[in-house]
PDB file of N, CA and C in Angstrom:
ATOM      1  N   LYS A   1       4.071   0.459   2.633  1.00  0.00           N
ATOM      2  CA  LYS A   1       3.864   1.689   1.932  1.00  0.00           C
ATOM      3  C   LYS A   1       5.182   2.204   1.842  1.00  0.00           C
ATOM      4  N   ALA A   2       6.046   2.268   2.687  1.00  0.00           N
ATOM      5  CA  ALA A   2       7.368   2.756   2.646  1.00  0.00           C
ATOM      6  C   ALA A   2       8.297   2.076   1.538  1.00  0.00           C
ATOM      7  N   GLU A   3       8.092   0.759   1.241  1.00  0.00           N
ATOM      8  CA  GLU A   3       8.571   0.021   0.230  1.00  0.00           C
ATOM      9  C   GLU A   3       8.195   0.498  -0.953  1.00  0.00           C
ATOM     10  N   SER A   4       6.935   0.714  -1.130  1.00  0.00           N
ATOM     11  CA  SER A   4       6.331   1.540  -2.469  1.00  0.00           C
ATOM     12  C   SER A   4       6.916   2.942  -2.939  1.00  0.00           C
ATOM     13  N   MET A   5       7.178   3.709  -1.885  1.00  0.00           N
ATOM     14  CA  MET A   5       7.565   4.903  -2.122  1.00  0.00           C
ATOM     15  C   MET A   5       9.277   4.924  -2.639  1.00  0.00           C
ATOM     16  N   ARG A   6      10.059   3.785  -1.815  1.00  0.00           N
ATOM     17  CA  ARG A   6      11.191   3.459  -2.201  1.00  0.00           C
ATOM     18  C   ARG A   6      11.566   3.233  -3.628  1.00  0.00           C
ATOM     19  N   ARG A   7      10.585   2.606  -4.105  1.00  0.00           N
ATOM     20  CA  ARG A   7      10.691   1.926  -5.295  1.00  0.00           C
ATOM     21  C   ARG A   7      10.285   2.838  -6.303  1.00  0.00           C
ATOM     22  N   LEU A   8       9.344   3.834  -6.019  1.00  0.00           N
ATOM     23  CA  LEU A   8       8.871   4.823  -6.992  1.00  0.00           C
ATOM     24  C   LEU A   8       9.997   5.912  -6.987  1.00  0.00           C
ATOM     25  N   GLU A   9      10.827   6.227  -6.042  1.00  0.00           N
ATOM     26  CA  GLU A   9      12.082   7.065  -6.070  1.00  0.00           C
ATOM     27  C   GLU A   9      12.953   6.619  -6.812  1.00  0.00           C
ATOM     28  N   MET A  10      13.249   5.279  -6.778  1.00  0.00           N
ATOM     29  CA  MET A  10      14.257   4.553  -7.556  1.00  0.00           C
ATOM     30  C   MET A  10      14.017   4.693  -9.001  1.00  0.00           C
ATOM     31  N   LEU A  11      12.881   4.154  -9.336  1.00  0.00           N
ATOM     32  CA  LEU A  11      12.263   3.966 -10.690  1.00  0.00           C
ATOM     33  C   LEU A  11      12.368   5.250 -11.485  1.00  0.00           C
ATOM     34  N   PHE A  12      11.902   6.367 -10.838  1.00  0.00           N
ATOM     35  CA  PHE A  12      11.804   7.794 -11.571  1.00  0.00           C
ATOM     36  C   PHE A  12      12.936   8.675 -11.142  1.00  0.00           C
ATOM     37  N   ASP A  13      13.940   7.865 -10.318  1.00  0.00           N
ATOM     38  CA  ASP A  13      15.121   8.551 -10.049  1.00  0.00           C
ATOM     39  C   ASP A  13      14.961   9.832  -9.460  1.00  0.00           C
ATOM     40  N   VAL A  14      13.923  10.150  -8.326  1.00  0.00           N
ATOM     41  CA  VAL A  14      13.665  11.199  -7.522  1.00  0.00           C
ATOM     42  C   VAL A  14      14.485  11.307  -6.494  1.00  0.00           C
ATOM     43  N   LYS A  15      14.797  12.618  -6.382  1.00  0.00           N
ATOM     44  CA  LYS A  15      15.477  12.735  -4.927  1.00  0.00           C
ATOM     45  C   LYS A  15      14.684  13.695  -3.996  1.00  0.00           C
ATOM     46  N   ALA A  16      13.754  12.949  -3.416  1.00  0.00           N
ATOM     47  CA  ALA A  16      13.032  13.538  -2.596  1.00  0.00           C
ATOM     48  C   ALA A  16      13.654  14.393  -1.326  1.00  0.00           C
ATOM     49  N   GLU A  17      13.228  15.340  -1.025  1.00  0.00           N
ATOM     50  CA  GLU A  17      13.851  16.145   0.286  1.00  0.00           C
ATOM     51  C   GLU A  17      13.573  15.211   1.595  1.00  0.00           C
ATOM     52  N   LYS A  18      14.289  15.536   2.423  1.00  0.00           N
ATOM     53  CA  LYS A  18      14.266  14.737   3.817  1.00  0.00           C
ATOM     54  C   LYS A  18      13.956  15.813   4.742  1.00  0.00           C
ATOM     55  N   SER A  19      12.755  15.957   4.770  1.00  0.00           N
ATOM     56  CA  SER A  19      12.494  16.936   5.865  1.00  0.00           C
ATOM     57  C   SER A  19      11.080  16.842   6.754  1.00  0.00           C
ATOM     58  N   GLN A  20      10.740  17.250   7.712  1.00  0.00           N
ATOM     59  CA  GLN A  20       9.706  17.148   8.746  1.00  0.00           C
ATOM     60  C   GLN A  20       8.381  17.422   8.139  1.00  0.00           C
ATOM     61  N   ARG A  21       8.280  18.454   7.118  1.00  0.00           N
ATOM     62  CA  ARG A  21       7.107  18.461   6.428  1.00  0.00           C
ATOM     63  C   ARG A  21       6.888  17.090   5.597  1.00  0.00           C
ATOM     64  N   ARG A  22       7.668  16.589   5.072  1.00  0.00           N
ATOM     65  CA  ARG A  22       7.570  15.579   3.957  1.00  0.00           C
ATOM     66  C   ARG A  22       7.230  14.365   5.037  1.00  0.00           C
ATOM     67  N   TYR A  23       7.810  13.946   5.872  1.00  0.00           N
ATOM     68  CA  TYR A  23       7.493  13.150   6.757  1.00  0.00           C
ATOM     69  C   TYR A  23       6.151  13.058   7.505  1.00  0.00           C
ATOM     70  N   ASP A  24       5.693  14.266   7.931  1.00  0.00           N
ATOM     71  CA  ASP A  24       4.229  14.394   8.277  1.00  0.00           C
ATOM     72  C   ASP A  24       3.159  14.035   7.053  1.00  0.00           C
ATOM     73  N   CYS A  25       3.585  14.590   6.111  1.00  0.00           N
ATOM     74  CA  CYS A  25       2.584  14.449   4.955  1.00  0.00           C
ATOM     75  C   CYS A  25       2.660  12.844   4.672  1.00  0.00           C
ATOM     76  N   GLN A  26       3.710  12.109   4.698  1.00  0.00           N
ATOM     77  CA  GLN A  26       3.635  10.443   4.107  1.00  0.00           C
ATOM     78  C   GLN A  26       2.963   9.818   5.503  1.00  0.00           C
ATOM     79  N   GLU A  27       3.241  10.386   6.621  1.00  0.00           N
ATOM     80  CA  GLU A  27       2.589   9.822   7.907  1.00  0.00           C
ATOM     81  C   GLU A  27       0.702   9.818   7.527  1.00  0.00           C
ATOM     82  N   LYS A  28       0.492  10.912   7.142  1.00  0.00           N
ATOM     83  CA  LYS A  28      -1.042  11.044   6.827  1.00  0.00           C
ATOM     84  C   LYS A  28      -1.530  10.235   5.891  1.00  0.00           C
ATOM     85  N   LEU A  29      -0.877   9.955   4.864  1.00  0.00           N
ATOM     86  CA  LEU A  29      -1.023   9.376   3.593  1.00  0.00           C
ATOM     87  C   LEU A  29      -0.996   7.866   3.805  1.00  0.00           C
ATOM     88  N   TRP A  30       0.259   7.548   4.408  1.00  0.00           N
ATOM     89  CA  TRP A  30       0.475   6.032   4.525  1.00  0.00           C
ATOM     90  C   TRP A  30      -0.136   5.411   5.591  1.00  0.00           C
ATOM     91  N   TYR A  31      -0.253   6.007   6.630  1.00  0.00           N
ATOM     92  CA  TYR A  31      -1.053   5.369   7.913  1.00  0.00           C
ATOM     93  C   TYR A  31      -2.537   5.919   8.226  1.00  0.00           C
ATOM     94  N   TRP A  32      -3.035   6.419   6.957  1.00  0.00           N
ATOM     95  CA  TRP A  32      -4.344   6.772   7.099  1.00  0.00           C
ATOM     96  C   TRP A  32      -4.695   7.650   8.395  1.00  0.00           C
ATOM     97  N   ASP A  33      -3.935   8.638   8.735  1.00  0.00           N
ATOM     98  CA  ASP A  33      -3.946   9.472   9.969  1.00  0.00           C
ATOM     99  C   ASP A  33      -4.439  10.625   9.646  1.00  0.00           C
ATOM    100  N   TRP A  34      -5.849  11.011   9.038  1.00  0.00           N
ATOM    101  CA  TRP A  34      -6.185  12.287   8.788  1.00  0.00           C
ATOM    102  C   TRP A  34      -7.525  12.533   9.273  1.00  0.00           C
ATOM    103  N   PRO A  35      -7.593  13.837   9.736  1.00  0.00           N
ATOM    104  CA  PRO A  35      -8.971  14.266  10.383  1.00  0.00           C
ATOM    105  C   PRO A  35     -10.314  13.776   9.900  1.00  0.00           C
ATOM    106  N   GLY A  36     -10.324  13.726   8.477  1.00  0.00           N
ATOM    107  CA  GLY A  36     -11.906  13.318   7.949  1.00  0.00           C
ATOM    108  C   GLY A  36     -11.859  11.783   7.497  1.00  0.00           C
ATOM    109  N   LYS A  37     -11.134  11.144   8.201  1.00  0.00           N
ATOM    110  CA  LYS A  37     -11.287   9.812   7.919  1.00  0.00           C
ATOM    111  C   LYS A  37     -12.556   9.017   8.454  1.00  0.00           C
ATOM    112  N   ASN A  38     -13.203   8.354   7.817  1.00  0.00           N
ATOM    113  CA  ASN A  38     -14.684   7.699   8.347  1.00  0.00           C
ATOM    114  C   ASN A  38     -14.113   6.722   9.143  1.00  0.00           C
ATOM    115  N   ARG A  39     -14.676   6.579  10.182  1.00  0.00           N
ATOM    116  CA  ARG A  39     -14.417   5.515  11.323  1.00  0.00           C
ATOM    117  C   ARG A  39     -15.616   4.648  11.078  1.00  0.00           C
ATOM    118  N   HIS A  40     -15.349   3.306  10.858  1.00  0.00           N
ATOM    119  CA  HIS A  40     -16.643   2.325  10.845  1.00  0.00           C
ATOM    120  C   HIS A  40     -15.848   1.073  11.846  1.00  0.00           C
ATOM    121  N   GLU A  41     -17.049   0.382  12.260  1.00  0.00           N
ATOM    122  CA  GLU A  41     -16.902  -0.781  13.071  1.00  0.00           C
ATOM    123  C   GLU A  41     -16.157  -1.868  12.353  1.00  0.00           C
ATOM    124  N   GLN A  42     -15.384  -2.670  13.112  1.00  0.00           N
ATOM    125  CA  GLN A  42     -14.719  -3.594  12.484  1.00  0.00           C
ATOM    126  C   GLN A  42     -15.761  -4.710  12.172  1.00  0.00           C
ATOM    127  N   VAL A  43     -15.762  -5.286  10.980  1.00  0.00           N
ATOM    128  CA  VAL A  43     -16.797  -6.323  10.507  1.00  0.00           C
ATOM    129  C   VAL A  43     -15.700  -7.899  10.810  1.00  0.00           C
ATOM    130  N   LEU A  44     -16.637  -8.759  11.570  1.00  0.00           N
ATOM    131  CA  LEU A  44     -15.832  -9.977  11.805  1.00  0.00           C
ATOM    132  C   LEU A  44     -15.912 -11.009  10.905  1.00  0.00           C
ATOM    133  N   GLU A  45     -14.949 -11.602  10.437  1.00  0.00           N
ATOM    134  CA  GLU A  45     -14.931 -12.694   9.422  1.00  0.00           C
ATOM    135  C   GLU A  45     -15.902 -13.741   9.930  1.00  0.00           C
ATOM    136  N   GLY A  46     -16.540 -13.960   8.812  1.00  0.00           N
ATOM    137  CA  GLY A  46     -17.651 -15.216   8.978  1.00  0.00           C
ATOM    138  C   GLY A  46     -18.912 -14.570   9.354  1.00  0.00           C
ATOM    139  N   SER A  47     -19.215 -13.361   9.702  1.00  0.00           N
ATOM    140  CA  SER A  47     -20.560 -12.897   9.838  1.00  0.00           C
ATOM    141  C   SER A  47     -21.137 -12.779   8.722  1.00  0.00           C
ATOM    142  N   GLU A  48     -22.279 -12.323   8.891  1.00  0.00           N
ATOM    143  CA  GLU A  48     -23.462 -11.908   7.551  1.00  0.00           C
ATOM    144  C   GLU A  48     -22.828 -10.876   6.669  1.00  0.00           C
ATOM    145  N   ALA A  49     -22.398  -9.801   7.573  1.00  0.00           N
ATOM    146  CA  ALA A  49     -21.849  -8.556   6.889  1.00  0.00           C
ATOM    147  C   ALA A  49     -20.726  -8.911   6.073  1.00  0.00           C
ATOM    148  N   TRP A  50     -19.694  -9.702   6.684  1.00  0.00           N
ATOM    149  CA  TRP A  50     -18.515 -10.212   6.113  1.00  0.00           C
ATOM    150  C   TRP A  50     -18.772 -10.791   4.874  1.00  0.00           C
ATOM    151  N   ASN A  51     -19.603 -12.055   4.983  1.00  0.00           N
ATOM    152  CA  ASN A  51     -19.879 -12.727   3.712  1.00  0.00           C
ATOM    153  C   ASN A  51     -20.458 -11.855   2.699  1.00  0.00           C
ATOM    154  N   ARG A  52     -21.342 -11.124   3.108  1.00  0.00           N
ATOM    155  CA  ARG A  52     -21.851 -10.109   1.876  1.00  0.00           C
ATOM    156  C   ARG A  52     -20.879  -9.390   1.257  1.00  0.00           C
ATOM    157  N   LEU A  53     -20.232  -8.557   2.114  1.00  0.00           N
ATOM    158  CA  LEU A  53     -19.118  -7.880   1.535  1.00  0.00           C
ATOM    159  C   LEU A  53     -18.093  -8.724   0.683  1.00  0.00           C
ATOM    160  N   TYR A  54     -17.653  -9.569   1.257  1.00  0.00           N
ATOM    161  CA  TYR A  54     -16.796 -10.656   0.258  1.00  0.00           C
ATOM    162  C   TYR A  54     -17.401 -11.083  -0.835  1.00  0.00           C
ATOM    163  N   GLU A  55     -18.869 -11.555  -0.916  1.00  0.00           N
ATOM    164  CA  GLU A  55     -19.448 -11.646  -2.301  1.00  0.00           C
ATOM    165  C   GLU A  55     -19.472 -10.550  -3.099  1.00  0.00           C
ATOM    166  N   GLN A  56     -19.804  -9.422  -2.402  1.00  0.00           N
ATOM    167  CA  GLN A  56     -20.007  -8.202  -3.627  1.00  0.00           C
ATOM    168  C   GLN A  56     -18.618  -7.681  -3.926  1.00  0.00           C
ATOM    169  N   ASN A  57     -17.591  -8.174  -3.303  1.00  0.00           N
ATOM    170  CA  ASN A  57     -16.379  -7.435  -3.669  1.00  0.00           C
ATOM    171  C   ASN A  57     -15.111  -8.499  -4.010  1.00  0.00           C
ATOM    172  N   SER A  58     -15.780  -9.711  -4.359  1.00  0.00           N
ATOM    173  CA  SER A  58     -14.820 -10.832  -4.906  1.00  0.00           C
ATOM    174  C   SER A  58     -13.957 -10.418  -5.997  1.00  0.00           C
ATOM    175  N   PHE A  59     -14.151  -9.555  -6.928  1.00  0.00           N
ATOM    176  CA  PHE A  59     -13.326  -9.317  -7.913  1.00  0.00           C
ATOM    177  C   PHE A  59     -12.173  -8.600  -7.450  1.00  0.00           C
ATOM    178  N   ASP A  60     -12.564  -7.650  -6.477  1.00  0.00           N
ATOM    179  CA  ASP A  60     -11.600  -6.583  -6.139  1.00  0.00           C
ATOM    180  C   ASP A  60     -10.624  -7.219  -4.960  1.00  0.00           C
ATOM    181  N   ILE A  61     -11.207  -8.336  -4.398  1.00  0.00           N
ATOM    182  CA  ILE A  61     -10.229  -9.001  -3.387  1.00  0.00           C
ATOM    183  C   ILE A  61      -9.203  -9.917  -4.479  1.00  0.00           C
ATOM    184  N   ARG A  62      -9.638 -10.427  -5.417  1.00  0.00           N
ATOM    185  CA  ARG A  62      -8.831 -11.062  -6.356  1.00  0.00           C
ATOM    186  C   ARG A  62      -7.674 -10.350  -6.950  1.00  0.00           C
ATOM    187  N   LEU A  63      -8.125  -9.166  -7.378  1.00  0.00           N
ATOM    188  CA  LEU A  63      -7.216  -8.249  -7.973  1.00  0.00           C
ATOM    189  C   LEU A  63      -6.149  -7.575  -6.820  1.00  0.00           C
ATOM    190  N   TYR A  64      -6.524  -7.451  -5.571  1.00  0.00           N
ATOM    191  CA  TYR A  64      -5.727  -7.402  -4.544  1.00  0.00           C
ATOM    192  C   TYR A  64      -4.701  -8.402  -4.174  1.00  0.00           C
ATOM    193  N   GLU A  65      -5.259  -9.582  -4.037  1.00  0.00           N
ATOM    194  CA  GLU A  65      -4.332 -10.716  -4.041  1.00  0.00           C
ATOM    195  C   GLU A  65      -3.364 -10.618  -4.825  1.00  0.00           C
ATOM    196  N   TYR A  66      -3.752 -10.727  -6.348  1.00  0.00           N
ATOM    197  CA  TYR A  66      -2.988 -10.550  -7.396  1.00  0.00           C
ATOM    198  C   TYR A  66      -1.697  -9.467  -7.383  1.00  0.00           C
ATOM    199  N   ALA A  67      -2.427  -8.413  -6.842  1.00  0.00           N
ATOM    200  CA  ALA A  67      -1.285  -7.075  -6.796  1.00  0.00           C
ATOM    201  C   ALA A  67      -0.146  -7.515  -5.790  1.00  0.00           C
ATOM    202  N   ARG A  68      -0.510  -8.151  -4.502  1.00  0.00           N
ATOM    203  CA  ARG A  68       0.372  -8.586  -3.713  1.00  0.00           C
ATOM    204  C   ARG A  68       1.355  -9.495  -3.961  1.00  0.00           C
ATOM    205  N   GLU A  69       0.832 -10.493  -4.971  1.00  0.00           N
ATOM    206  CA  GLU A  69       1.963 -11.452  -5.431  1.00  0.00           C
ATOM    207  C   GLU A  69       2.804 -10.826  -6.500  1.00  0.00           C
ATOM    208  N   LEU A  70       2.401  -9.816  -7.300  1.00  0.00           N
ATOM    209  CA  LEU A  70       3.183  -8.954  -8.127  1.00  0.00           C
ATOM    210  C   LEU A  70       3.942  -8.321  -7.558  1.00  0.00           C
ATOM    211  N   PHE A  71       3.698  -7.399  -6.375  1.00  0.00           N
ATOM    212  CA  PHE A  71       4.548  -6.585  -5.758  1.00  0.00           C
ATOM    213  C   PHE A  71       5.885  -7.635  -5.027  1.00  0.00           C
ATOM    214  N   LYS A  72       5.470  -8.651  -4.616  1.00  0.00           N
ATOM    215  CA  LYS A  72       6.582  -9.279  -3.855  1.00  0.00           C
ATOM    216  C   LYS A  72       7.463 -10.027  -5.134  1.00  0.00           C
ATOM    217  N   ALA A  73       7.066 -10.288  -6.500  1.00  0.00           N
ATOM    218  CA  ALA A  73       7.784 -10.392  -7.627  1.00  0.00           C
ATOM    219  C   ALA A  73       8.676  -9.443  -8.072  1.00  0.00           C
ATOM    220  N   GLN A  74       8.173  -8.220  -8.119  1.00  0.00           N
ATOM    221  CA  GLN A  74       8.802  -7.026  -8.482  1.00  0.00           C
ATOM    222  C   GLN A  74      10.090  -6.761  -7.601  1.00  0.00           C
ATOM    223  N   GLY A  75       9.689  -6.912  -6.375  1.00  0.00           N
ATOM    224  CA  GLY A  75      10.620  -6.750  -5.323  1.00  0.00           C
ATOM    225  C   GLY A  75      12.032  -7.333  -5.694  1.00  0.00           C
ATOM    226  N   LYS A  76      12.029  -8.340  -6.120  1.00  0.00           N
ATOM    227  CA  LYS A  76      13.280  -9.173  -6.730  1.00  0.00           C
ATOM    228  C   LYS A  76      14.183  -8.144  -7.992  1.00  0.00           C
ATOM    229  N   LEU A  77      13.331  -7.536  -8.784  1.00  0.00           N
ATOM    230  CA  LEU A  77      13.889  -6.687  -9.743  1.00  0.00           C
ATOM    231  C   LEU A  77      14.511  -5.551  -8.830  1.00  0.00           C
ATOM    232  N   PHE A  78      13.928  -4.837  -8.067  1.00  0.00           N
ATOM    233  CA  PHE A  78      14.525  -3.821  -7.485  1.00  0.00           C
ATOM    234  C   PHE A  78      15.627  -4.189  -6.644  1.00  0.00           C
ATOM    235  N   GLN A  79      15.707  -5.322  -6.160  1.00  0.00           N
ATOM    236  CA  GLN A  79      17.093  -5.694  -5.294  1.00  0.00           C
ATOM    237  C   GLN A  79      18.131  -5.853  -6.016  1.00  0.00           C
ATOM    238  N   THR A  80      17.848  -6.439  -7.319  1.00  0.00           N
ATOM    239  CA  THR A  80      18.699  -6.567  -8.543  1.00  0.00           C
ATOM    240  C   THR A  80      19.169  -5.374  -8.824  1.00  0.00           C
ATOM    241  N   SER A  81      18.548  -4.246  -9.113  1.00  0.00           N
ATOM    242  CA  SER A  81      19.083  -3.037  -9.601  1.00  0.00           C
ATOM    243  C   SER A  81      19.679  -2.313  -8.573  1.00  0.00           C
ATOM    244  N   VAL A  82      19.523  -2.520  -7.308  1.00  0.00           N
ATOM    245  CA  VAL A  82      20.246  -1.642  -6.140  1.00  0.00           C
ATOM    246  C   VAL A  82      21.452  -2.256  -5.950  1.00  0.00           C
ATOM    247  N   THR A  83      21.621  -3.656  -6.089  1.00  0.00           N
ATOM    248  CA  THR A  83      22.980  -4.353  -6.013  1.00  0.00           C
ATOM    249  C   THR A  83      23.858  -4.097  -7.267  1.00  0.00           C
ATOM    250  N   GLU A  84      23.155  -3.824  -8.429  1.00  0.00           N
ATOM    251  CA  GLU A  84      24.056  -3.617  -9.444  1.00  0.00           C
ATOM    252  C   GLU A  84      24.797  -2.161  -9.675  1.00  0.00           C
ATOM    253  N   GLU A  85      24.151  -1.268  -8.868  1.00  0.00           N
ATOM    254  CA  GLU A  85      24.692   0.150  -9.012  1.00  0.00           C
ATOM    255  C   GLU A  85      26.111   0.271  -8.343  1.00  0.00           C
TER     256      GLU A  85
END
């Protein structure tokens, strides 16, 4: 999550303030630490619930896996632009 923010700041040339307030806000958003979060029991891989969720969300899972690959590929572009500056 921090890498995503670093890339956005670089892409949009944003000079974000470095303050405790910003840090606290990022912690809540990045690490899912907010009071209204719904807590659920962990679903074990291979269980009936897991298999049903996997089946119902197969396209979302494929999209997520593609996004991870794309994120890795884009990382090379950001490394290049950082070293060229």
